[in-house]
Protein backbone atom coordinates (compact mmCIF):
# COMPACT_ATOMS: atom_id res chain seq x y z
CA MET A 1 27.52 45.60 -29.12
CA ALA A 2 23.68 45.16 -30.26
CA VAL A 3 22.40 47.28 -33.65
CA ASP A 4 18.78 47.93 -32.90
CA GLU A 5 16.34 46.86 -36.01
CA MET A 6 16.52 50.28 -36.95
CA GLU A 7 19.56 50.93 -36.88
CA GLU A 8 20.28 48.17 -39.14
CA LYS A 9 17.98 48.94 -41.52
CA LYS A 10 19.70 52.67 -42.49
CA HIS A 11 22.64 50.78 -42.17
CA PRO A 12 23.43 47.04 -42.56
CA LEU A 13 25.79 45.18 -40.97
CA PRO A 14 28.47 44.37 -43.25
CA ASP A 15 28.31 40.63 -42.61
CA ILE A 16 23.79 41.45 -43.48
CA GLN A 17 25.48 42.61 -46.89
CA SER A 18 27.73 40.23 -47.67
CA ALA A 19 24.91 37.11 -46.81
CA ASN A 20 22.08 39.09 -48.59
CA ALA A 21 24.29 39.93 -51.87
CA ALA A 22 25.76 36.10 -51.48
CA THR A 23 21.83 34.65 -51.64
CA GLU A 24 21.13 36.40 -54.40
CA GLN A 25 23.56 35.33 -56.79
CA LEU A 26 22.12 32.04 -54.88
CA ARG A 27 19.02 32.92 -56.85
CA LYS A 28 20.03 34.41 -59.79
CA PHE A 29 22.76 30.58 -60.22
CA SER A 30 19.54 28.83 -59.50
CA GLU A 31 17.72 29.72 -62.40
CA SER A 32 20.46 27.77 -64.41
CA ALA A 33 22.17 24.16 -65.19
CA THR A 34 25.41 25.69 -65.10
CA PRO A 35 27.91 24.31 -62.32
CA PHE A 36 29.21 27.47 -60.32
CA PHE A 37 31.32 28.30 -56.92
CA LEU A 38 30.63 31.07 -55.03
CA ALA A 39 32.75 32.31 -52.18
CA VAL A 40 31.93 34.18 -49.61
CA GLY A 41 33.50 36.04 -46.82
CA PHE A 42 32.38 37.37 -43.78
CA HIS A 43 34.38 39.24 -41.43
CA LYS A 44 33.25 38.23 -37.99
CA PRO A 45 33.76 37.28 -34.92
CA HIS A 46 36.05 40.47 -35.61
CA LEU A 47 36.15 43.58 -33.46
CA PRO A 48 33.99 45.56 -33.09
CA PHE A 49 31.19 43.00 -32.28
CA GLN A 50 27.89 44.44 -33.16
CA PHE A 51 24.91 41.76 -33.76
CA PRO A 52 21.65 43.01 -34.42
CA SER A 53 19.68 43.14 -31.15
CA ARG A 54 17.37 41.02 -31.79
CA PHE A 55 20.11 38.37 -32.01
CA LEU A 56 19.83 38.85 -27.44
CA ASP A 57 16.39 37.57 -27.73
CA LEU A 58 18.19 33.89 -28.59
CA TYR A 59 20.11 34.36 -26.22
CA PRO A 60 19.72 35.33 -22.80
CA VAL A 61 22.91 36.80 -20.92
CA ASP A 62 21.65 34.42 -17.64
CA SER A 63 21.38 30.98 -19.96
CA VAL A 64 24.84 31.70 -21.20
CA LYS A 65 27.71 29.79 -19.17
CA LEU A 66 31.14 30.23 -19.67
CA PRO A 67 34.04 27.46 -19.32
CA ASP A 68 35.41 26.50 -16.74
CA ASN A 69 39.09 27.07 -17.32
CA PRO A 70 39.74 30.85 -18.41
CA PHE A 71 43.43 30.13 -19.80
CA ALA A 72 44.58 29.94 -23.54
CA PRO A 73 44.22 26.34 -24.66
CA VAL A 74 46.81 24.19 -24.87
CA ASN A 75 49.73 24.42 -27.24
CA MET A 76 48.11 27.99 -28.87
CA PRO A 77 50.83 30.07 -30.71
CA GLU A 78 51.30 32.75 -28.63
CA VAL A 79 51.78 35.16 -31.38
CA GLU A 80 47.97 34.46 -31.71
CA LEU A 81 47.48 35.11 -27.63
CA SER A 82 48.81 38.50 -27.79
CA ARG A 83 47.31 39.07 -31.75
CA LEU A 84 43.34 38.47 -30.08
CA PHE A 85 44.77 40.56 -26.67
CA CYS A 86 46.53 43.72 -29.28
CA GLU A 87 42.96 43.33 -30.52
CA VAL A 88 40.33 43.92 -28.02
CA VAL A 89 42.72 45.48 -25.85
CA PHE A 90 43.46 49.09 -28.34
CA TYR A 91 39.60 48.99 -28.51
CA SER A 92 38.49 52.73 -26.86
CA TRP A 93 34.65 51.17 -26.73
CA PHE A 94 35.78 47.84 -24.94
């Protein structure tokens, strides 16, 4: 689901907030010679699939090619397949 620019400004997406906070921390850390470690966690691509609408211009739908093989990868654990299926099926907007 694409989030338009005005909505994104009012309510930034969680991963954008995380990236902005990490960028700010990197700026602060760069002012010191002290070694540091910064771990940043991102939520996506988990549902709901939300992204800035400007990304639609980068990847026009007609240029996206789906794989020829619609099947799960060989040796994929069944528990993963069921988890992914449940995650998608139980979203009412999907």
